[in-house]
Amino acid sequence: MKKKDLQQNWAWVLTGSGHFFNETIDLINDLE
């Protein structure tokens, strides 16, 4: 795997994690 491909893959993982994290916060706020 090329270094550039690896960086893009990590960017995708971090973006996906951030999106999931934000959705989780929204769900918690709805419960309050």
C-alpha atoms as a PDB file:
ATOM      1  CA  MET A   1       0.000   0.000   0.000  1.00  0.00           C
ATOM      2  CA  LYS A   2       1.290   3.444  -0.891  1.00  0.00           C
ATOM      3  CA  LYS A   3       1.815   6.037   1.815  1.00  0.00           C
ATOM      4  CA  LYS A   4      -0.748   8.356   0.196  1.00  0.00           C
ATOM      5  CA  ASP A   5      -3.362   5.598   0.175  1.00  0.00           C
ATOM      6  CA  LEU A   6      -2.690   4.920   3.841  1.00  0.00           C
ATOM      7  CA  GLN A   7      -3.179   8.576   4.747  1.00  0.00           C
ATOM      8  CA  GLN A   8      -6.463   8.714   2.815  1.00  0.00           C
ATOM      9  CA  ASN A   9      -7.623   5.572   4.587  1.00  0.00           C
ATOM     10  CA  TRP A  10      -6.867   7.083   7.999  1.00  0.00           C
ATOM     11  CA  ALA A  11      -8.643  10.306   7.010  1.00  0.00           C
ATOM     12  CA  TRP A  12     -11.718   8.232   6.109  1.00  0.00           C
ATOM     13  CA  VAL A  13     -11.576   6.326   9.405  1.00  0.00           C
ATOM     14  CA  LEU A  14     -11.211   9.501  11.468  1.00  0.00           C
ATOM     15  CA  THR A  15     -14.007  11.238   9.565  1.00  0.00           C
ATOM     16  CA  GLY A  16     -16.271   8.228  10.040  1.00  0.00           C
ATOM     17  CA  SER A  17     -15.439   8.071  13.746  1.00  0.00           C
ATOM     18  CA  GLY A  18     -16.087  11.791  14.162  1.00  0.00           C
ATOM     19  CA  HIS A  19     -19.465  11.466  12.456  1.00  0.00           C
ATOM     20  CA  PHE A  20     -20.414   8.543  14.687  1.00  0.00           C
ATOM     21  CA  PHE A  21     -19.229  10.462  17.762  1.00  0.00           C
ATOM     22  CA  ASN A  22     -21.383  13.476  16.862  1.00  0.00           C
ATOM     23  CA  GLU A  23     -24.439  11.285  16.329  1.00  0.00           C
ATOM     24  CA  THR A  24     -23.883   9.669  19.720  1.00  0.00           C
ATOM     25  CA  ILE A  25     -23.754  13.095  21.398  1.00  0.00           C
ATOM     26  CA  ASP A  26     -26.992  14.073  19.644  1.00  0.00           C
ATOM     27  CA  LEU A  27     -28.672  10.907  20.937  1.00  0.00           C
ATOM     28  CA  ILE A  28     -27.479  11.588  24.491  1.00  0.00           C
ATOM     29  CA  ASN A  29     -28.738  15.174  24.318  1.00  0.00           C
ATOM     30  CA  ASP A  30     -32.151  13.914  23.163  1.00  0.00           C
ATOM     31  CA  LEU A  31     -32.372  11.653  26.224  1.00  0.00           C
ATOM     32  CA  GLU A  32     -31.853  14.495  28.671  1.00  0.00           C
END
